[in-house]
Amino acid sequence: MSEEPPASDPSPEEPAKATDADAWATAAAEDLAAEQARRRAEHGPPPGSAAEELKKLVDTVADKLAGLQSPLLGGLAGPAAQQVVRQVVQQAKAAVEPVIDRNPDVFDHLAAAGGELLAAYRSAVQAQERRWTAGTADPARDRKDPRDPGEGTGPGERIDLD
C-alpha cells in the first residue's frame, strides 16, 4: 500500500493567497469609498439623472414664481394675481411631472444630445475665431494652397459659359 497525502489537505500557501486577494479587494473598496466621500465633501452630492435635475428645476422655478411679489400690478390686483400665478404654476407642475416620471431615459438622451450640440457649436466658433485672428474671414481662402499663384498664370484658357 502506498501512502499518498490526502487530496483535501490544502497547502499552507493557498489560504495566504486567498487572504491577500481579499485584503486587496477590501483595501481598494475602502480607498474608493474614502475618495467618494472626499469628493462629496468638496463638491457636494453628485448630480442625479437628467429627469431628477429637471424636477428640481421645475420645483425651484415654481417656488420662486409663487413667492414673487408683482410691483407691476400694484395693490389692486396683488392677491388675485398671486393666486393666478400659483394656479398656473401648479397646473404646469401637474403636466410636467408625469411626463418626467414616465420617460426618464428620454431626458438623459436629450441631455446627451444637448452636450453634443454644444460641442459642435463650440468647435464651429473656435474655427471661426481662428480665421478671424488669422486675418481672413473667408474659409475658401483659408483652404487654398499658398503656392498657388492664382488665376491667369497657367497654360489653361478661361471659357465663358454665358
N, C-alpha and C. Protein backbone atom coordinates (compact mmCIF):
# COMPACT_ATOMS: atom_id res chain seq x y z
N MET A 1 0.80 -1.15 0.00
CA MET A 1 0.00 0.00 0.00
C MET A 1 0.86 1.24 0.00
N SER A 2 0.57 2.18 -0.82
CA SER A 2 1.38 3.40 -0.88
C SER A 2 0.69 4.48 -0.05
N GLU A 3 1.52 5.27 0.51
CA GLU A 3 0.98 6.36 1.30
C GLU A 3 1.02 7.64 0.49
N GLU A 4 -0.15 8.11 0.14
CA GLU A 4 -0.26 9.38 -0.58
C GLU A 4 -0.92 10.39 0.35
N PRO A 5 -0.51 11.65 0.24
CA PRO A 5 -1.16 12.64 1.10
C PRO A 5 -2.61 12.82 0.67
N PRO A 6 -3.49 13.07 1.61
CA PRO A 6 -4.89 13.26 1.25
C PRO A 6 -5.05 14.48 0.34
N ALA A 7 -5.96 14.38 -0.61
CA ALA A 7 -6.17 15.43 -1.60
C ALA A 7 -6.83 16.65 -0.98
N SER A 8 -7.55 16.50 0.12
CA SER A 8 -8.27 17.62 0.71
C SER A 8 -7.40 18.48 1.60
N ASP A 9 -6.17 18.11 1.83
CA ASP A 9 -5.29 18.85 2.70
C ASP A 9 -4.67 20.02 1.92
N PRO A 10 -5.10 21.28 2.16
CA PRO A 10 -4.56 22.40 1.41
C PRO A 10 -3.16 22.76 1.88
N SER A 11 -2.40 23.29 0.95
CA SER A 11 -1.05 23.70 1.30
C SER A 11 -1.12 24.99 2.12
N PRO A 12 -0.12 25.30 2.90
CA PRO A 12 -0.17 26.49 3.73
C PRO A 12 -0.16 27.80 2.91
N GLU A 13 0.27 27.76 1.65
CA GLU A 13 0.34 28.97 0.83
C GLU A 13 -1.04 29.39 0.31
N GLU A 14 -1.95 28.45 0.06
CA GLU A 14 -3.26 28.77 -0.52
C GLU A 14 -4.10 29.69 0.36
N PRO A 15 -4.22 29.47 1.68
CA PRO A 15 -5.01 30.41 2.48
C PRO A 15 -4.39 31.81 2.49
N ALA A 16 -3.09 31.92 2.43
CA ALA A 16 -2.45 33.22 2.43
C ALA A 16 -2.79 33.98 1.14
N LYS A 17 -2.80 33.27 -0.01
CA LYS A 17 -3.15 33.92 -1.27
C LYS A 17 -4.60 34.40 -1.26
N ALA A 18 -5.49 33.59 -0.73
CA ALA A 18 -6.90 33.98 -0.66
C ALA A 18 -7.07 35.18 0.26
N THR A 19 -6.35 35.19 1.37
CA THR A 19 -6.43 36.31 2.31
C THR A 19 -5.86 37.56 1.67
N ASP A 20 -4.76 37.42 0.94
CA ASP A 20 -4.16 38.57 0.26
C ASP A 20 -5.11 39.16 -0.77
N ALA A 21 -5.78 38.31 -1.52
CA ALA A 21 -6.73 38.80 -2.53
C ALA A 21 -7.90 39.52 -1.86
N ASP A 22 -8.39 38.96 -0.77
CA ASP A 22 -9.48 39.61 -0.03
C ASP A 22 -9.02 40.93 0.56
N ALA A 23 -7.81 40.96 1.07
CA ALA A 23 -7.28 42.20 1.66
C ALA A 23 -7.13 43.26 0.59
N TRP A 24 -6.67 42.86 -0.59
CA TRP A 24 -6.50 43.80 -1.70
C TRP A 24 -7.86 44.37 -2.11
N ALA A 25 -8.86 43.52 -2.25
CA ALA A 25 -10.20 43.98 -2.63
C ALA A 25 -10.79 44.88 -1.55
N THR A 26 -10.58 44.51 -0.31
CA THR A 26 -11.10 45.32 0.80
C THR A 26 -10.42 46.69 0.84
N ALA A 27 -9.11 46.71 0.68
CA ALA A 27 -8.37 47.98 0.69
C ALA A 27 -8.79 48.86 -0.48
N ALA A 28 -8.98 48.26 -1.65
CA ALA A 28 -9.41 49.03 -2.82
C ALA A 28 -10.80 49.62 -2.61
N ALA A 29 -11.70 48.83 -2.04
CA ALA A 29 -13.05 49.32 -1.77
C ALA A 29 -13.03 50.44 -0.74
N GLU A 30 -12.18 50.29 0.29
CA GLU A 30 -12.08 51.35 1.30
C GLU A 30 -11.52 52.63 0.70
N ASP A 31 -10.50 52.51 -0.16
CA ASP A 31 -9.92 53.69 -0.81
C ASP A 31 -10.95 54.38 -1.70
N LEU A 32 -11.71 53.59 -2.44
CA LEU A 32 -12.74 54.16 -3.31
C LEU A 32 -13.81 54.88 -2.50
N ALA A 33 -14.24 54.28 -1.41
CA ALA A 33 -15.25 54.91 -0.55
C ALA A 33 -14.71 56.20 0.06
N ALA A 34 -13.45 56.20 0.47
CA ALA A 34 -12.85 57.41 1.05
C ALA A 34 -12.74 58.51 0.00
N GLU A 35 -12.37 58.16 -1.22
CA GLU A 35 -12.26 59.16 -2.30
C GLU A 35 -13.64 59.73 -2.65
N GLN A 36 -14.65 58.88 -2.69
CA GLN A 36 -16.00 59.36 -2.97
C GLN A 36 -16.50 60.28 -1.86
N ALA A 37 -16.21 59.96 -0.62
CA ALA A 37 -16.61 60.81 0.50
C ALA A 37 -15.88 62.15 0.43
N ARG A 38 -14.61 62.13 0.07
CA ARG A 38 -13.85 63.37 -0.05
C ARG A 38 -14.43 64.26 -1.15
N ARG A 39 -14.77 63.66 -2.30
CA ARG A 39 -15.34 64.44 -3.40
C ARG A 39 -16.72 64.99 -3.05
N ARG A 40 -17.54 64.19 -2.33
CA ARG A 40 -18.85 64.69 -1.90
C ARG A 40 -18.70 65.87 -0.96
N ALA A 41 -17.71 65.79 -0.06
CA ALA A 41 -17.48 66.88 0.89
C ALA A 41 -16.98 68.12 0.16
N GLU A 42 -16.16 67.93 -0.85
CA GLU A 42 -15.57 69.06 -1.58
C GLU A 42 -16.55 69.68 -2.58
N HIS A 43 -17.26 68.86 -3.32
CA HIS A 43 -18.11 69.35 -4.42
C HIS A 43 -19.60 69.20 -4.16
N GLY A 44 -20.00 68.63 -3.07
CA GLY A 44 -21.41 68.39 -2.82
C GLY A 44 -21.83 67.06 -3.43
N PRO A 45 -23.10 66.73 -3.30
CA PRO A 45 -23.56 65.44 -3.83
C PRO A 45 -23.51 65.45 -5.36
N PRO A 46 -23.26 64.28 -5.95
CA PRO A 46 -23.21 64.22 -7.41
C PRO A 46 -24.59 64.49 -8.00
N PRO A 47 -24.63 65.05 -9.20
CA PRO A 47 -25.94 65.32 -9.80
C PRO A 47 -26.66 64.02 -10.11
N GLY A 48 -27.98 64.07 -10.06
CA GLY A 48 -28.79 62.90 -10.37
C GLY A 48 -28.97 62.77 -11.87
N SER A 49 -29.95 62.01 -12.23
CA SER A 49 -30.23 61.86 -13.66
C SER A 49 -30.82 63.17 -14.18
N ALA A 50 -30.90 63.27 -15.48
CA ALA A 50 -31.44 64.48 -16.09
C ALA A 50 -32.89 64.69 -15.67
N ALA A 51 -33.64 63.61 -15.52
CA ALA A 51 -35.03 63.73 -15.10
C ALA A 51 -35.13 64.29 -13.67
N GLU A 52 -34.28 63.80 -12.77
CA GLU A 52 -34.29 64.31 -11.40
C GLU A 52 -33.90 65.78 -11.36
N GLU A 53 -32.91 66.16 -12.15
CA GLU A 53 -32.48 67.55 -12.19
C GLU A 53 -33.58 68.45 -12.77
N LEU A 54 -34.30 67.94 -13.76
CA LEU A 54 -35.40 68.73 -14.33
C LEU A 54 -36.52 68.92 -13.30
N LYS A 55 -36.78 67.89 -12.52
CA LYS A 55 -37.79 68.01 -11.46
C LYS A 55 -37.37 69.08 -10.44
N LYS A 56 -36.09 69.06 -10.07
CA LYS A 56 -35.60 70.07 -9.13
C LYS A 56 -35.73 71.47 -9.72
N LEU A 57 -35.43 71.61 -11.00
CA LEU A 57 -35.55 72.91 -11.65
C LEU A 57 -37.00 73.38 -11.66
N VAL A 58 -37.91 72.48 -12.01
CA VAL A 58 -39.34 72.84 -12.05
C VAL A 58 -39.80 73.25 -10.65
N ASP A 59 -39.40 72.51 -9.63
CA ASP A 59 -39.79 72.86 -8.26
C ASP A 59 -39.24 74.21 -7.84
N THR A 60 -37.99 74.48 -8.17
CA THR A 60 -37.36 75.75 -7.80
C THR A 60 -38.03 76.92 -8.50
N VAL A 61 -38.27 76.77 -9.80
CA VAL A 61 -38.92 77.84 -10.55
C VAL A 61 -40.34 78.06 -10.02
N ALA A 62 -41.04 76.99 -9.72
CA ALA A 62 -42.40 77.12 -9.19
C ALA A 62 -42.39 77.85 -7.85
N ASP A 63 -41.44 77.51 -6.99
CA ASP A 63 -41.35 78.19 -5.69
C ASP A 63 -41.04 79.67 -5.86
N LYS A 64 -40.14 79.99 -6.77
CA LYS A 64 -39.79 81.40 -7.00
C LYS A 64 -40.98 82.18 -7.57
N LEU A 65 -41.68 81.58 -8.51
CA LEU A 65 -42.83 82.27 -9.11
C LEU A 65 -43.97 82.43 -8.10
N ALA A 66 -44.16 81.43 -7.27
CA ALA A 66 -45.24 81.51 -6.30
C ALA A 66 -44.96 82.58 -5.24
N GLY A 67 -43.71 82.81 -4.92
CA GLY A 67 -43.37 83.80 -3.91
C GLY A 67 -43.10 85.17 -4.49
N LEU A 68 -43.25 85.34 -5.77
CA LEU A 68 -42.95 86.60 -6.43
C LEU A 68 -44.01 87.65 -6.11
N GLN A 69 -43.58 88.80 -5.69
CA GLN A 69 -44.48 89.94 -5.46
C GLN A 69 -44.43 90.80 -6.71
N SER A 70 -45.55 91.04 -7.31
CA SER A 70 -45.59 91.78 -8.56
C SER A 70 -45.79 93.27 -8.32
N PRO A 71 -44.74 94.07 -8.49
CA PRO A 71 -44.90 95.51 -8.32
C PRO A 71 -45.63 96.15 -9.50
N LEU A 72 -45.72 95.44 -10.60
CA LEU A 72 -46.37 95.99 -11.80
C LEU A 72 -47.88 96.09 -11.63
N LEU A 73 -48.44 95.13 -10.89
CA LEU A 73 -49.89 95.11 -10.75
C LEU A 73 -50.37 96.00 -9.60
N GLY A 74 -49.48 96.38 -8.75
CA GLY A 74 -49.85 97.28 -7.65
C GLY A 74 -50.69 96.57 -6.60
N GLY A 75 -51.30 97.34 -5.75
CA GLY A 75 -52.08 96.78 -4.66
C GLY A 75 -53.46 96.34 -5.09
N LEU A 76 -53.93 96.74 -6.26
CA LEU A 76 -55.29 96.40 -6.68
C LEU A 76 -55.44 94.92 -7.01
N ALA A 77 -54.54 94.41 -7.82
CA ALA A 77 -54.69 93.03 -8.28
C ALA A 77 -53.67 92.11 -7.63
N GLY A 78 -52.99 92.55 -6.59
CA GLY A 78 -51.93 91.77 -5.96
C GLY A 78 -52.35 90.38 -5.54
N PRO A 79 -53.30 90.22 -4.61
CA PRO A 79 -53.68 88.88 -4.16
C PRO A 79 -54.29 88.03 -5.28
N ALA A 80 -55.10 88.64 -6.12
CA ALA A 80 -55.71 87.88 -7.21
C ALA A 80 -54.65 87.42 -8.21
N ALA A 81 -53.69 88.29 -8.50
CA ALA A 81 -52.63 87.93 -9.45
C ALA A 81 -51.76 86.82 -8.88
N GLN A 82 -51.45 86.90 -7.59
CA GLN A 82 -50.66 85.85 -6.97
C GLN A 82 -51.39 84.51 -7.01
N GLN A 83 -52.68 84.53 -6.81
CA GLN A 83 -53.46 83.30 -6.87
C GLN A 83 -53.43 82.72 -8.27
N VAL A 84 -53.54 83.57 -9.27
CA VAL A 84 -53.49 83.10 -10.66
C VAL A 84 -52.12 82.50 -10.96
N VAL A 85 -51.05 83.15 -10.49
CA VAL A 85 -49.70 82.63 -10.72
C VAL A 85 -49.54 81.27 -10.05
N ARG A 86 -50.01 81.16 -8.81
CA ARG A 86 -49.91 79.87 -8.11
C ARG A 86 -50.67 78.77 -8.85
N GLN A 87 -51.84 79.12 -9.35
CA GLN A 87 -52.65 78.13 -10.07
C GLN A 87 -51.97 77.70 -11.36
N VAL A 88 -51.41 78.64 -12.10
CA VAL A 88 -50.72 78.31 -13.35
C VAL A 88 -49.49 77.45 -13.06
N VAL A 89 -48.76 77.78 -12.01
CA VAL A 89 -47.57 77.01 -11.65
C VAL A 89 -47.96 75.59 -11.27
N GLN A 90 -49.02 75.43 -10.50
CA GLN A 90 -49.47 74.08 -10.11
C GLN A 90 -49.92 73.27 -11.32
N GLN A 91 -50.60 73.92 -12.26
CA GLN A 91 -51.02 73.23 -13.48
C GLN A 91 -49.82 72.81 -14.31
N ALA A 92 -48.82 73.68 -14.39
CA ALA A 92 -47.61 73.34 -15.15
C ALA A 92 -46.88 72.17 -14.51
N LYS A 93 -46.76 72.20 -13.18
CA LYS A 93 -46.10 71.09 -12.49
C LYS A 93 -46.88 69.79 -12.68
N ALA A 94 -48.20 69.88 -12.61
CA ALA A 94 -49.03 68.68 -12.78
C ALA A 94 -48.89 68.12 -14.19
N ALA A 95 -48.63 68.96 -15.17
CA ALA A 95 -48.47 68.48 -16.55
C ALA A 95 -47.07 67.94 -16.80
N VAL A 96 -46.06 68.54 -16.17
CA VAL A 96 -44.68 68.17 -16.46
C VAL A 96 -44.23 66.94 -15.68
N GLU A 97 -44.59 66.84 -14.42
CA GLU A 97 -44.07 65.75 -13.59
C GLU A 97 -44.45 64.35 -14.07
N PRO A 98 -45.68 64.09 -14.53
CA PRO A 98 -45.95 62.74 -15.05
C PRO A 98 -45.12 62.39 -16.28
N VAL A 99 -44.87 63.38 -17.11
CA VAL A 99 -44.04 63.14 -18.31
C VAL A 99 -42.62 62.78 -17.88
N ILE A 100 -42.11 63.49 -16.90
CA ILE A 100 -40.76 63.19 -16.41
C ILE A 100 -40.72 61.81 -15.78
N ASP A 101 -41.73 61.45 -15.00
CA ASP A 101 -41.76 60.15 -14.34
C ASP A 101 -41.86 58.99 -15.33
N ARG A 102 -42.63 59.19 -16.39
CA ARG A 102 -42.81 58.10 -17.37
C ARG A 102 -41.63 57.94 -18.30
N ASN A 103 -40.88 59.00 -18.56
CA ASN A 103 -39.83 58.97 -19.58
C ASN A 103 -38.49 59.49 -19.07
N PRO A 104 -37.94 58.94 -18.00
CA PRO A 104 -36.68 59.50 -17.50
C PRO A 104 -35.52 59.29 -18.48
N ASP A 105 -35.55 58.19 -19.25
CA ASP A 105 -34.46 57.94 -20.20
C ASP A 105 -34.45 58.96 -21.34
N VAL A 106 -35.62 59.46 -21.70
CA VAL A 106 -35.70 60.46 -22.75
C VAL A 106 -34.93 61.71 -22.36
N PHE A 107 -35.05 62.11 -21.10
CA PHE A 107 -34.36 63.32 -20.65
C PHE A 107 -32.85 63.10 -20.59
N ASP A 108 -32.42 61.88 -20.23
CA ASP A 108 -30.99 61.59 -20.27
C ASP A 108 -30.49 61.67 -21.71
N HIS A 109 -31.27 61.14 -22.64
CA HIS A 109 -30.90 61.20 -24.06
C HIS A 109 -30.84 62.64 -24.55
N LEU A 110 -31.84 63.45 -24.16
CA LEU A 110 -31.85 64.85 -24.57
C LEU A 110 -30.67 65.61 -23.98
N ALA A 111 -30.30 65.29 -22.76
CA ALA A 111 -29.15 65.95 -22.14
C ALA A 111 -27.87 65.59 -22.88
N ALA A 112 -27.73 64.32 -23.27
CA ALA A 112 -26.55 63.91 -24.03
C ALA A 112 -26.52 64.59 -25.40
N ALA A 113 -27.67 64.66 -26.06
CA ALA A 113 -27.74 65.31 -27.37
C ALA A 113 -27.41 66.80 -27.24
N GLY A 114 -27.88 67.42 -26.17
CA GLY A 114 -27.57 68.83 -25.94
C GLY A 114 -26.07 69.03 -25.75
N GLY A 115 -25.43 68.12 -25.05
CA GLY A 115 -23.98 68.20 -24.87
C GLY A 115 -23.24 68.08 -26.20
N GLU A 116 -23.73 67.18 -27.06
CA GLU A 116 -23.10 67.02 -28.37
C GLU A 116 -23.31 68.27 -29.24
N LEU A 117 -24.50 68.86 -29.18
CA LEU A 117 -24.74 70.09 -29.93
C LEU A 117 -23.85 71.22 -29.43
N LEU A 118 -23.68 71.30 -28.12
CA LEU A 118 -22.81 72.33 -27.56
C LEU A 118 -21.37 72.13 -28.02
N ALA A 119 -20.91 70.89 -28.06
CA ALA A 119 -19.54 70.61 -28.52
C ALA A 119 -19.38 70.99 -29.99
N ALA A 120 -20.39 70.70 -30.81
CA ALA A 120 -20.31 71.07 -32.23
C ALA A 120 -20.30 72.58 -32.40
N TYR A 121 -21.14 73.27 -31.65
CA TYR A 121 -21.18 74.74 -31.72
C TYR A 121 -19.85 75.33 -31.28
N ARG A 122 -19.31 74.81 -30.20
CA ARG A 122 -18.02 75.30 -29.69
C ARG A 122 -16.93 75.09 -30.73
N SER A 123 -16.93 73.96 -31.40
CA SER A 123 -15.94 73.69 -32.43
C SER A 123 -16.07 74.67 -33.60
N ALA A 124 -17.30 74.95 -34.01
CA ALA A 124 -17.51 75.88 -35.12
C ALA A 124 -17.07 77.29 -34.73
N VAL A 125 -17.37 77.70 -33.52
CA VAL A 125 -16.98 79.04 -33.07
C VAL A 125 -15.47 79.15 -32.98
N GLN A 126 -14.82 78.13 -32.47
CA GLN A 126 -13.37 78.17 -32.36
C GLN A 126 -12.71 78.23 -33.74
N ALA A 127 -13.27 77.49 -34.70
CA ALA A 127 -12.72 77.54 -36.06
C ALA A 127 -12.88 78.94 -36.66
N GLN A 128 -14.03 79.55 -36.45
CA GLN A 128 -14.26 80.90 -36.97
C GLN A 128 -13.34 81.90 -36.27
N GLU A 129 -13.16 81.74 -34.97
CA GLU A 129 -12.26 82.65 -34.26
C GLU A 129 -10.83 82.53 -34.76
N ARG A 130 -10.40 81.32 -35.10
CA ARG A 130 -9.05 81.15 -35.66
C ARG A 130 -8.93 81.89 -36.98
N ARG A 131 -9.98 81.83 -37.83
CA ARG A 131 -9.94 82.55 -39.10
C ARG A 131 -9.92 84.06 -38.88
N TRP A 132 -10.69 84.53 -37.91
CA TRP A 132 -10.72 85.97 -37.62
C TRP A 132 -9.36 86.45 -37.14
N THR A 133 -8.74 85.69 -36.25
CA THR A 133 -7.45 86.12 -35.72
C THR A 133 -6.35 85.98 -36.75
N ALA A 134 -6.53 85.11 -37.74
CA ALA A 134 -5.53 84.97 -38.80
C ALA A 134 -5.69 86.07 -39.84
N GLY A 135 -6.79 86.80 -39.80
CA GLY A 135 -6.98 87.91 -40.72
C GLY A 135 -7.84 87.59 -41.92
N THR A 136 -8.34 86.37 -42.03
CA THR A 136 -9.21 86.02 -43.15
C THR A 136 -10.52 85.53 -42.60
N ALA A 137 -11.61 85.98 -43.19
CA ALA A 137 -12.93 85.54 -42.77
C ALA A 137 -13.54 84.61 -43.80
N ASP A 138 -12.84 84.35 -44.88
CA ASP A 138 -13.36 83.51 -45.96
C ASP A 138 -12.75 82.12 -45.85
N PRO A 139 -13.55 81.09 -45.52
CA PRO A 139 -12.99 79.74 -45.39
C PRO A 139 -12.41 79.22 -46.69
N ALA A 140 -12.92 79.67 -47.85
CA ALA A 140 -12.38 79.22 -49.14
C ALA A 140 -10.95 79.70 -49.31
N ARG A 141 -10.66 80.90 -48.86
CA ARG A 141 -9.29 81.43 -48.98
C ARG A 141 -8.36 80.71 -48.02
N ASP A 142 -8.85 80.24 -46.91
CA ASP A 142 -8.01 79.54 -45.95
C ASP A 142 -7.55 78.19 -46.50
N ARG A 143 -8.35 77.58 -47.37
CA ARG A 143 -8.04 76.23 -47.85
C ARG A 143 -7.13 76.24 -49.07
N LYS A 144 -6.93 77.38 -49.69
CA LYS A 144 -6.10 77.41 -50.91
C LYS A 144 -4.65 77.12 -50.55
N ASP A 145 -3.99 76.56 -51.52
CA ASP A 145 -2.57 76.26 -51.39
C ASP A 145 -1.80 77.58 -51.51
N PRO A 146 -0.96 77.91 -50.53
CA PRO A 146 -0.24 79.18 -50.62
C PRO A 146 0.74 79.23 -51.79
N ARG A 147 1.09 78.09 -52.36
CA ARG A 147 1.99 78.08 -53.51
C ARG A 147 1.26 78.35 -54.81
N ASP A 148 -0.10 78.33 -54.78
CA ASP A 148 -0.88 78.58 -55.99
C ASP A 148 -0.82 80.07 -56.31
N PRO A 149 -0.31 80.44 -57.47
CA PRO A 149 -0.17 81.87 -57.79
C PRO A 149 -1.48 82.55 -58.16
N GLY A 150 -2.54 81.81 -58.39
CA GLY A 150 -3.82 82.43 -58.71
C GLY A 150 -4.20 82.21 -60.16
N GLU A 151 -5.31 82.88 -60.58
CA GLU A 151 -5.81 82.69 -61.94
C GLU A 151 -4.95 83.45 -62.95
N GLY A 152 -4.97 82.96 -64.15
CA GLY A 152 -4.33 83.67 -65.26
C GLY A 152 -2.87 83.36 -65.45
N THR A 153 -2.26 82.56 -64.63
CA THR A 153 -0.84 82.29 -64.79
C THR A 153 -0.58 80.91 -65.36
N GLY A 154 -1.63 80.10 -65.53
CA GLY A 154 -1.44 78.74 -66.02
C GLY A 154 -1.60 78.66 -67.51
N PRO A 155 -1.35 77.48 -68.10
CA PRO A 155 -1.46 77.30 -69.56
C PRO A 155 -2.90 77.20 -70.02
N GLY A 156 -3.87 77.06 -69.09
CA GLY A 156 -5.26 76.89 -69.49
C GLY A 156 -5.88 78.18 -70.01
N GLU A 157 -7.05 78.02 -70.64
CA GLU A 157 -7.76 79.16 -71.19
C GLU A 157 -9.09 79.28 -70.48
N ARG A 158 -9.52 80.51 -70.13
CA ARG A 158 -10.77 80.73 -69.45
C ARG A 158 -11.89 80.67 -70.47
N ILE A 159 -12.93 79.88 -70.13
CA ILE A 159 -14.06 79.74 -71.04
C ILE A 159 -15.26 80.36 -70.37
N ASP A 160 -15.92 81.29 -71.08
CA ASP A 160 -17.12 81.94 -70.57
C ASP A 160 -18.34 81.13 -71.03
N LEU A 161 -19.14 80.66 -70.09
CA LEU A 161 -20.26 79.80 -70.43
C LEU A 161 -21.57 80.57 -70.65
N ASP A 162 -21.56 81.86 -70.48
CA ASP A 162 -22.80 82.65 -70.67
C ASP A 162 -23.14 82.83 -72.09
